[in-house]
Amino acid sequence: MTKCSKIALSLLLPALLIATPLFARGDLSLDQAVERARENTGGRVISAETKEKEGRRVHNIRILTNDGKVRRLRFDADTERRSNNRR
């Protein structure tokens, strides 16, 4: 490997490592979202479904909590994050 190639590689590799999370998309399954909802609340799952909202997959999960209340949780399947969007 030439000295020029080593320099180019040493500059390119860190740039790729930094940029990768910017382009990476998650793929949270409905089963994974249900498990996260259970872990977050400790309750029982009443229903779980996936819908498309504004071109994005959203997992909607209803949980019966230990104190008898129903909570609705939403997870964005692409970002794998919990969503507070009520739409």
PDB file of N, CA and C in Angstrom:
ATOM      1  N   MET A   1       0.856  -1.172   0.000  1.00  0.00           N
ATOM      2  CA  MET A   1       0.000   0.000   0.000  1.00  0.00           C
ATOM      3  C   MET A   1       0.899   1.231   0.000  1.00  0.00           C
ATOM      4  N   THR A   2       0.619   2.145  -0.885  1.00  0.00           N
ATOM      5  CA  THR A   2       1.448   3.340  -0.982  1.00  0.00           C
ATOM      6  C   THR A   2       1.136   4.312   0.146  1.00  0.00           C
ATOM      7  N   LYS A   3       2.051   5.235   0.347  1.00  0.00           N
ATOM      8  CA  LYS A   3       1.865   6.233   1.398  1.00  0.00           C
ATOM      9  C   LYS A   3       0.618   7.079   1.125  1.00  0.00           C
ATOM     10  N   CYS A   4       0.389   7.399  -0.142  1.00  0.00           N
ATOM     11  CA  CYS A   4      -0.788   8.194  -0.527  1.00  0.00           C
ATOM     12  C   CYS A   4      -2.078   7.422  -0.232  1.00  0.00           C
ATOM     13  N   SER A   5      -2.083   6.131  -0.505  1.00  0.00           N
ATOM     14  CA  SER A   5      -3.255   5.295  -0.237  1.00  0.00           C
ATOM     15  C   SER A   5      -3.535   5.208   1.255  1.00  0.00           C
ATOM     16  N   LYS A   6      -2.491   5.096   2.052  1.00  0.00           N
ATOM     17  CA  LYS A   6      -2.653   5.028   3.501  1.00  0.00           C
ATOM     18  C   LYS A   6      -3.254   6.321   4.045  1.00  0.00           C
ATOM     19  N   ILE A   7      -2.803   7.446   3.513  1.00  0.00           N
ATOM     20  CA  ILE A   7      -3.318   8.745   3.955  1.00  0.00           C
ATOM     21  C   ILE A   7      -4.793   8.881   3.568  1.00  0.00           C
ATOM     22  N   ALA A   8      -5.111   8.516   2.342  1.00  0.00           N
ATOM     23  CA  ALA A   8      -6.499   8.601   1.871  1.00  0.00           C
ATOM     24  C   ALA A   8      -7.399   7.699   2.721  1.00  0.00           C
ATOM     25  N   LEU A   9      -6.938   6.499   3.006  1.00  0.00           N
ATOM     26  CA  LEU A   9      -7.714   5.565   3.814  1.00  0.00           C
ATOM     27  C   LEU A   9      -7.887   6.082   5.245  1.00  0.00           C
ATOM     28  N   SER A  10      -6.823   6.677   5.790  1.00  0.00           N
ATOM     29  CA  SER A  10      -6.911   7.185   7.160  1.00  0.00           C
ATOM     30  C   SER A  10      -7.867   8.376   7.257  1.00  0.00           C
ATOM     31  N   LEU A  11      -8.081   9.089   6.153  1.00  0.00           N
ATOM     32  CA  LEU A  11      -9.046  10.190   6.148  1.00  0.00           C
ATOM     33  C   LEU A  11     -10.458   9.716   5.831  1.00  0.00           C
ATOM     34  N   LEU A  12     -10.562   8.723   4.964  1.00  0.00           N
ATOM     35  CA  LEU A  12     -11.867   8.244   4.525  1.00  0.00           C
ATOM     36  C   LEU A  12     -12.571   7.401   5.592  1.00  0.00           C
ATOM     37  N   LEU A  13     -11.846   6.551   6.275  1.00  0.00           N
ATOM     38  CA  LEU A  13     -12.457   5.654   7.248  1.00  0.00           C
ATOM     39  C   LEU A  13     -13.171   6.405   8.375  1.00  0.00           C
ATOM     40  N   PRO A  14     -12.549   7.385   9.024  1.00  0.00           N
ATOM     41  CA  PRO A  14     -13.293   8.121  10.069  1.00  0.00           C
ATOM     42  C   PRO A  14     -14.522   8.853   9.528  1.00  0.00           C
ATOM     43  N   ALA A  15     -14.424   9.378   8.312  1.00  0.00           N
ATOM     44  CA  ALA A  15     -15.571  10.069   7.712  1.00  0.00           C
ATOM     45  C   ALA A  15     -16.727   9.100   7.501  1.00  0.00           C
ATOM     46  N   LEU A  16     -16.444   7.888   7.074  1.00  0.00           N
ATOM     47  CA  LEU A  16     -17.489   6.884   6.881  1.00  0.00           C
ATOM     48  C   LEU A  16     -18.102   6.462   8.216  1.00  0.00           C
ATOM     49  N   LEU A  17     -17.288   6.332   9.230  1.00  0.00           N
ATOM     50  CA  LEU A  17     -17.803   5.944  10.541  1.00  0.00           C
ATOM     51  C   LEU A  17     -18.709   7.017  11.134  1.00  0.00           C
ATOM     52  N   ILE A  18     -18.391   8.264  10.861  1.00  0.00           N
ATOM     53  CA  ILE A  18     -19.227   9.363  11.353  1.00  0.00           C
ATOM     54  C   ILE A  18     -20.517   9.452  10.549  1.00  0.00           C
ATOM     55  N   ALA A  19     -20.449   9.258   9.252  1.00  0.00           N
ATOM     56  CA  ALA A  19     -21.613   9.427   8.376  1.00  0.00           C
ATOM     57  C   ALA A  19     -22.587   8.258   8.434  1.00  0.00           C
ATOM     58  N   THR A  20     -22.132   7.071   8.778  1.00  0.00           N
ATOM     59  CA  THR A  20     -22.988   5.884   8.755  1.00  0.00           C
ATOM     60  C   THR A  20     -24.266   6.045   9.576  1.00  0.00           C
ATOM     61  N   PRO A  21     -24.224   6.536  10.811  1.00  0.00           N
ATOM     62  CA  PRO A  21     -25.479   6.686  11.569  1.00  0.00           C
ATOM     63  C   PRO A  21     -26.446   7.679  10.945  1.00  0.00           C
ATOM     64  N   LEU A  22     -25.941   8.604  10.173  1.00  0.00           N
ATOM     65  CA  LEU A  22     -26.818   9.588   9.541  1.00  0.00           C
ATOM     66  C   LEU A  22     -27.690   8.952   8.475  1.00  0.00           C
ATOM     67  N   PHE A  23     -27.182   7.908   7.842  1.00  0.00           N
ATOM     68  CA  PHE A  23     -27.913   7.271   6.757  1.00  0.00           C
ATOM     69  C   PHE A  23     -28.550   5.946   7.162  1.00  0.00           C
ATOM     70  N   ALA A  24     -28.177   5.428   8.306  1.00  0.00           N
ATOM     71  CA  ALA A  24     -28.707   4.139   8.746  1.00  0.00           C
ATOM     72  C   ALA A  24     -30.178   4.282   9.127  1.00  0.00           C
ATOM     73  N   ARG A  25     -30.962   3.313   8.715  1.00  0.00           N
ATOM     74  CA  ARG A  25     -32.381   3.285   9.074  1.00  0.00           C
ATOM     75  C   ARG A  25     -32.628   2.058   9.914  1.00  0.00           C
ATOM     76  N   GLY A  26     -33.384   2.274  10.941  1.00  0.00           N
ATOM     77  CA  GLY A  26     -33.754   1.150  11.774  1.00  0.00           C
ATOM     78  C   GLY A  26     -34.903   0.403  11.136  1.00  0.00           C
ATOM     79  N   ASP A  27     -35.183  -0.718  11.674  1.00  0.00           N
ATOM     80  CA  ASP A  27     -36.324  -1.488  11.198  1.00  0.00           C
ATOM     81  C   ASP A  27     -36.918  -2.207  12.397  1.00  0.00           C
ATOM     82  N   LEU A  28     -37.590  -1.442  13.252  1.00  0.00           N
ATOM     83  CA  LEU A  28     -38.193  -1.977  14.457  1.00  0.00           C
ATOM     84  C   LEU A  28     -39.433  -2.783  14.081  1.00  0.00           C
ATOM     85  N   SER A  29     -39.427  -4.047  14.430  1.00  0.00           N
ATOM     86  CA  SER A  29     -40.587  -4.892  14.125  1.00  0.00           C
ATOM     87  C   SER A  29     -41.694  -4.621  15.142  1.00  0.00           C
ATOM     88  N   LEU A  30     -42.888  -5.054  14.813  1.00  0.00           N
ATOM     89  CA  LEU A  30     -44.007  -4.904  15.736  1.00  0.00           C
ATOM     90  C   LEU A  30     -43.739  -5.693  17.017  1.00  0.00           C
ATOM     91  N   ASP A  31     -43.176  -6.883  16.902  1.00  0.00           N
ATOM     92  CA  ASP A  31     -42.848  -7.690  18.082  1.00  0.00           C
ATOM     93  C   ASP A  31     -41.849  -6.973  18.993  1.00  0.00           C
ATOM     94  N   GLN A  32     -40.853  -6.330  18.392  1.00  0.00           N
ATOM     95  CA  GLN A  32     -39.867  -5.594  19.189  1.00  0.00           C
ATOM     96  C   GLN A  32     -40.521  -4.396  19.880  1.00  0.00           C
ATOM     97  N   ALA A  33     -41.412  -3.709  19.169  1.00  0.00           N
ATOM     98  CA  ALA A  33     -42.109  -2.565  19.757  1.00  0.00           C
ATOM     99  C   ALA A  33     -42.993  -3.010  20.921  1.00  0.00           C
ATOM    100  N   VAL A  34     -43.661  -4.146  20.774  1.00  0.00           N
ATOM    101  CA  VAL A  34     -44.500  -4.688  21.846  1.00  0.00           C
ATOM    102  C   VAL A  34     -43.633  -4.994  23.069  1.00  0.00           C
ATOM    103  N   GLU A  35     -42.486  -5.589  22.851  1.00  0.00           N
ATOM    104  CA  GLU A  35     -41.592  -5.909  23.966  1.00  0.00           C
ATOM    105  C   GLU A  35     -41.120  -4.638  24.667  1.00  0.00           C
ATOM    106  N   ARG A  36     -40.791  -3.618  23.913  1.00  0.00           N
ATOM    107  CA  ARG A  36     -40.378  -2.342  24.519  1.00  0.00           C
ATOM    108  C   ARG A  36     -41.520  -1.724  25.319  1.00  0.00           C
ATOM    109  N   ALA A  37     -42.723  -1.810  24.791  1.00  0.00           N
ATOM    110  CA  ALA A  37     -43.889  -1.259  25.493  1.00  0.00           C
ATOM    111  C   ALA A  37     -44.093  -1.997  26.823  1.00  0.00           C
ATOM    112  N   ARG A  38     -43.954  -3.310  26.800  1.00  0.00           N
ATOM    113  CA  ARG A  38     -44.074  -4.104  28.033  1.00  0.00           C
ATOM    114  C   ARG A  38     -43.011  -3.695  29.047  1.00  0.00           C
ATOM    115  N   GLU A  39     -41.776  -3.537  28.562  1.00  0.00           N
ATOM    116  CA  GLU A  39     -40.680  -3.157  29.445  1.00  0.00           C
ATOM    117  C   GLU A  39     -40.910  -1.765  30.039  1.00  0.00           C
ATOM    118  N   ASN A  40     -41.438  -0.841  29.237  1.00  0.00           N
ATOM    119  CA  ASN A  40     -41.652   0.537  29.696  1.00  0.00           C
ATOM    120  C   ASN A  40     -42.769   0.643  30.727  1.00  0.00           C
ATOM    121  N   THR A  41     -43.777  -0.199  30.615  1.00  0.00           N
ATOM    122  CA  THR A  41     -44.961  -0.029  31.455  1.00  0.00           C
ATOM    123  C   THR A  41     -45.173  -1.146  32.469  1.00  0.00           C
ATOM    124  N   GLY A  42     -44.687  -2.320  32.163  1.00  0.00           N
ATOM    125  CA  GLY A  42     -44.931  -3.465  33.029  1.00  0.00           C
ATOM    126  C   GLY A  42     -46.353  -3.980  32.930  1.00  0.00           C
ATOM    127  N   GLY A  43     -47.109  -3.481  31.954  1.00  0.00           N
ATOM    128  CA  GLY A  43     -48.506  -3.864  31.813  1.00  0.00           C
ATOM    129  C   GLY A  43     -48.720  -4.975  30.806  1.00  0.00           C
ATOM    130  N   ARG A  44     -49.996  -5.219  30.503  1.00  0.00           N
ATOM    131  CA  ARG A  44     -50.403  -6.269  29.569  1.00  0.00           C
ATOM    132  C   ARG A  44     -50.824  -5.649  28.245  1.00  0.00           C
ATOM    133  N   VAL A  45     -50.370  -6.205  27.147  1.00  0.00           N
ATOM    134  CA  VAL A  45     -50.704  -5.684  25.819  1.00  0.00           C
ATOM    135  C   VAL A  45     -52.144  -6.044  25.484  1.00  0.00           C
ATOM    136  N   ILE A  46     -52.919  -5.019  25.118  1.00  0.00           N
ATOM    137  CA  ILE A  46     -54.311  -5.216  24.712  1.00  0.00           C
ATOM    138  C   ILE A  46     -54.391  -5.367  23.204  1.00  0.00           C
ATOM    139  N   SER A  47     -53.663  -4.503  22.495  1.00  0.00           N
ATOM    140  CA  SER A  47     -53.653  -4.580  21.035  1.00  0.00           C
ATOM    141  C   SER A  47     -52.364  -3.982  20.501  1.00  0.00           C
ATOM    142  N   ALA A  48     -52.018  -4.394  19.293  1.00  0.00           N
ATOM    143  CA  ALA A  48     -50.821  -3.873  18.630  1.00  0.00           C
ATOM    144  C   ALA A  48     -51.055  -3.943  17.130  1.00  0.00           C
ATOM    145  N   GLU A  49     -50.754  -2.836  16.460  1.00  0.00           N
ATOM    146  CA  GLU A  49     -50.912  -2.802  15.001  1.00  0.00           C
ATOM    147  C   GLU A  49     -49.911  -1.822  14.410  1.00  0.00           C
ATOM    148  N   THR A  50     -49.650  -2.006  13.138  1.00  0.00           N
ATOM    149  CA  THR A  50     -48.765  -1.109  12.413  1.00  0.00           C
ATOM    150  C   THR A  50     -49.581  -0.374  11.366  1.00  0.00           C
ATOM    151  N   LYS A  51     -49.418   0.945  11.341  1.00  0.00           N
ATOM    152  CA  LYS A  51     -50.091   1.779  10.342  1.00  0.00           C
ATOM    153  C   LYS A  51     -49.057   2.646   9.657  1.00  0.00           C
ATOM    154  N   GLU A  52     -49.432   3.132   8.494  1.00  0.00           N
ATOM    155  CA  GLU A  52     -48.562   4.061   7.796  1.00  0.00           C
ATOM    156  C   GLU A  52     -49.107   5.466   7.968  1.00  0.00           C
ATOM    157  N   LYS A  53     -48.263   6.356   8.473  1.00  0.00           N
ATOM    158  CA  LYS A  53     -48.616   7.755   8.680  1.00  0.00           C
ATOM    159  C   LYS A  53     -47.590   8.622   7.967  1.00  0.00           C
ATOM    160  N   GLU A  54     -48.059   9.409   7.027  1.00  0.00           N
ATOM    161  CA  GLU A  54     -47.186  10.335   6.294  1.00  0.00           C
ATOM    162  C   GLU A  54     -45.965   9.612   5.715  1.00  0.00           C
ATOM    163  N   GLY A  55     -46.200   8.428   5.175  1.00  0.00           N
ATOM    164  CA  GLY A  55     -45.127   7.670   4.536  1.00  0.00           C
ATOM    165  C   GLY A  55     -44.210   6.928   5.497  1.00  0.00           C
ATOM    166  N   ARG A  56     -44.527   6.909   6.772  1.00  0.00           N
ATOM    167  CA  ARG A  56     -43.702   6.236   7.768  1.00  0.00           C
ATOM    168  C   ARG A  56     -44.522   5.149   8.457  1.00  0.00           C
ATOM    169  N   ARG A  57     -43.870   4.051   8.796  1.00  0.00           N
ATOM    170  CA  ARG A  57     -44.542   2.985   9.537  1.00  0.00           C
ATOM    171  C   ARG A  57     -44.519   3.326  11.023  1.00  0.00           C
ATOM    172  N   VAL A  58     -45.687   3.251  11.644  1.00  0.00           N
ATOM    173  CA  VAL A  58     -45.813   3.544  13.067  1.00  0.00           C
ATOM    174  C   VAL A  58     -46.503   2.365  13.743  1.00  0.00           C
ATOM    175  N   HIS A  59     -45.880   1.869  14.815  1.00  0.00           N
ATOM    176  CA  HIS A  59     -46.475   0.792  15.595  1.00  0.00           C
ATOM    177  C   HIS A  59     -47.297   1.418  16.719  1.00  0.00           C
ATOM    178  N   ASN A  60     -48.579   1.095  16.773  1.00  0.00           N
ATOM    179  CA  ASN A  60     -49.485   1.577  17.813  1.00  0.00           C
ATOM    180  C   ASN A  60     -49.778   0.424  18.764  1.00  0.00           C
ATOM    181  N   ILE A  61     -49.514   0.652  20.037  1.00  0.00           N
ATOM    182  CA  ILE A  61     -49.673  -0.403  21.026  1.00  0.00           C
ATOM    183  C   ILE A  61     -50.502   0.125  22.194  1.00  0.00           C
ATOM    184  N   ARG A  62     -51.513  -0.641  22.572  1.00  0.00           N
ATOM    185  CA  ARG A  62     -52.342  -0.300  23.740  1.00  0.00           C
ATOM    186  C   ARG A  62     -51.985  -1.273  24.854  1.00  0.00           C
ATOM    187  N   ILE A  63     -51.748  -0.702  26.033  1.00  0.00           N
ATOM    188  CA  ILE A  63     -51.311  -1.470  27.194  1.00  0.00           C
ATOM    189  C   ILE A  63     -52.275  -1.238  28.351  1.00  0.00           C
ATOM    190  N   LEU A  64     -52.645  -2.297  29.047  1.00  0.00           N
ATOM    191  CA  LEU A  64     -53.396  -2.176  30.286  1.00  0.00           C
ATOM    192  C   LEU A  64     -52.371  -2.195  31.409  1.00  0.00           C
ATOM    193  N   THR A  65     -52.240  -1.058  32.111  1.00  0.00           N
ATOM    194  CA  THR A  65     -51.245  -0.951  33.172  1.00  0.00           C
ATOM    195  C   THR A  65     -51.719  -1.671  34.429  1.00  0.00           C
ATOM    196  N   ASN A  66     -50.804  -1.852  35.353  1.00  0.00           N
ATOM    197  CA  ASN A  66     -51.124  -2.554  36.607  1.00  0.00           C
ATOM    198  C   ASN A  66     -52.152  -1.807  37.444  1.00  0.00           C
ATOM    199  N   ASP A  67     -52.288  -0.488  37.241  1.00  0.00           N
ATOM    200  CA  ASP A  67     -53.288   0.279  37.994  1.00  0.00           C
ATOM    201  C   ASP A  67     -54.613   0.390  37.244  1.00  0.00           C
ATOM    202  N   GLY A  68     -54.782  -0.414  36.183  1.00  0.00           N
ATOM    203  CA  GLY A  68     -56.049  -0.497  35.466  1.00  0.00           C
ATOM    204  C   GLY A  68     -56.279   0.556  34.400  1.00  0.00           C
ATOM    205  N   LYS A  69     -55.257   1.344  34.057  1.00  0.00           N
ATOM    206  CA  LYS A  69     -55.402   2.375  33.027  1.00  0.00           C
ATOM    207  C   LYS A  69     -54.881   1.857  31.694  1.00  0.00           C
ATOM    208  N   VAL A  70     -55.461   2.388  30.626  1.00  0.00           N
ATOM    209  CA  VAL A  70     -55.006   2.019  29.284  1.00  0.00           C
ATOM    210  C   VAL A  70     -54.061   3.108  28.786  1.00  0.00           C
ATOM    211  N   ARG A  71     -52.874   2.692  28.377  1.00  0.00           N
ATOM    212  CA  ARG A  71     -51.902   3.618  27.796  1.00  0.00           C
ATOM    213  C   ARG A  71     -51.713   3.270  26.338  1.00  0.00           C
ATOM    214  N   ARG A  72     -51.543   4.306  25.531  1.00  0.00           N
ATOM    215  CA  ARG A  72     -51.259   4.125  24.107  1.00  0.00           C
ATOM    216  C   ARG A  72     -49.823   4.559  23.849  1.00  0.00           C
ATOM    217  N   LEU A  73     -49.054   3.666  23.270  1.00  0.00           N
ATOM    218  CA  LEU A  73     -47.666   3.961  22.931  1.00  0.00           C
ATOM    219  C   LEU A  73     -47.500   3.848  21.430  1.00  0.00           C
ATOM    220  N   ARG A  74     -46.673   4.712  20.888  1.00  0.00           N
ATOM    221  CA  ARG A  74     -46.384   4.689  19.454  1.00  0.00           C
ATOM    222  C   ARG A  74     -44.869   4.632  19.259  1.00  0.00           C
ATOM    223  N   PHE A  75     -44.457   3.805  18.324  1.00  0.00           N
ATOM    224  CA  PHE A  75     -43.046   3.685  17.996  1.00  0.00           C
ATOM    225  C   PHE A  75     -42.885   3.876  16.493  1.00  0.00           C
ATOM    226  N   ASP A  76     -41.955   4.723  16.104  1.00  0.00           N
ATOM    227  CA  ASP A  76     -41.621   4.913  14.689  1.00  0.00           C
ATOM    228  C   ASP A  76     -40.738   3.738  14.286  1.00  0.00           C
ATOM    229  N   ALA A  77     -41.174   2.962  13.327  1.00  0.00           N
ATOM    230  CA  ALA A  77     -40.452   1.749  12.933  1.00  0.00           C
ATOM    231  C   ALA A  77     -39.117   2.070  12.282  1.00  0.00           C
ATOM    232  N   ASP A  78     -39.016   3.214  11.625  1.00  0.00           N
ATOM    233  CA  ASP A  78     -37.781   3.557  10.918  1.00  0.00           C
ATOM    234  C   ASP A  78     -36.706   4.096  11.849  1.00  0.00           C
ATOM    235  N   THR A  79     -37.077   4.957  12.781  1.00  0.00           N
ATOM    236  CA  THR A  79     -36.088   5.530  13.694  1.00  0.00           C
ATOM    237  C   THR A  79     -35.931   4.702  14.958  1.00  0.00           C
ATOM    238  N   GLU A  80     -36.870   3.775  15.193  1.00  0.00           N
ATOM    239  CA  GLU A  80     -36.901   2.914  16.371  1.00  0.00           C
ATOM    240  C   GLU A  80     -37.122   3.707  17.653  1.00  0.00           C
ATOM    241  N   ARG A  81     -37.649   4.901  17.524  1.00  0.00           N
ATOM    242  CA  ARG A  81     -37.889   5.750  18.698  1.00  0.00           C
ATOM    243  C   ARG A  81     -39.358   5.799  19.034  1.00  0.00           C
ATOM    244  N   ARG A  82     -39.622   6.046  20.300  1.00  0.00           N
ATOM    245  CA  ARG A  82     -40.993   6.227  20.741  1.00  0.00           C
ATOM    246  C   ARG A  82     -41.475   7.583  20.258  1.00  0.00           C
ATOM    247  N   SER A  83     -42.679   7.605  19.755  1.00  0.00           N
ATOM    248  CA  SER A  83     -43.252   8.819  19.189  1.00  0.00           C
ATOM    249  C   SER A  83     -44.337   9.357  20.103  1.00  0.00           C
ATOM    250  N   ASN A  84     -44.396  10.669  20.230  1.00  0.00           N
ATOM    251  CA  ASN A  84     -45.444  11.310  21.010  1.00  0.00           C
ATOM    252  C   ASN A  84     -46.542  11.851  20.110  1.00  0.00           C
ATOM    253  N   ASN A  85     -46.414  11.618  18.816  1.00  0.00           N
ATOM    254  CA  ASN A  85     -47.370  12.146  17.846  1.00  0.00           C
ATOM    255  C   ASN A  85     -48.737  11.480  18.039  1.00  0.00           C
ATOM    256  N   ARG A  86     -49.765  12.289  18.255  1.00  0.00           N
ATOM    257  CA  ARG A  86     -51.116  11.758  18.529  1.00  0.00           C
ATOM    258  C   ARG A  86     -51.953  11.554  17.286  1.00  0.00           C
ATOM    259  N   ARG A  87     -51.458  11.884  16.111  1.00  0.00           N
ATOM    260  CA  ARG A  87     -52.266  11.773  14.888  1.00  0.00           C
ATOM    261  C   ARG A  87     -52.550  10.375  14.487  1.00  0.00           C
TER     262      ARG A  87
END
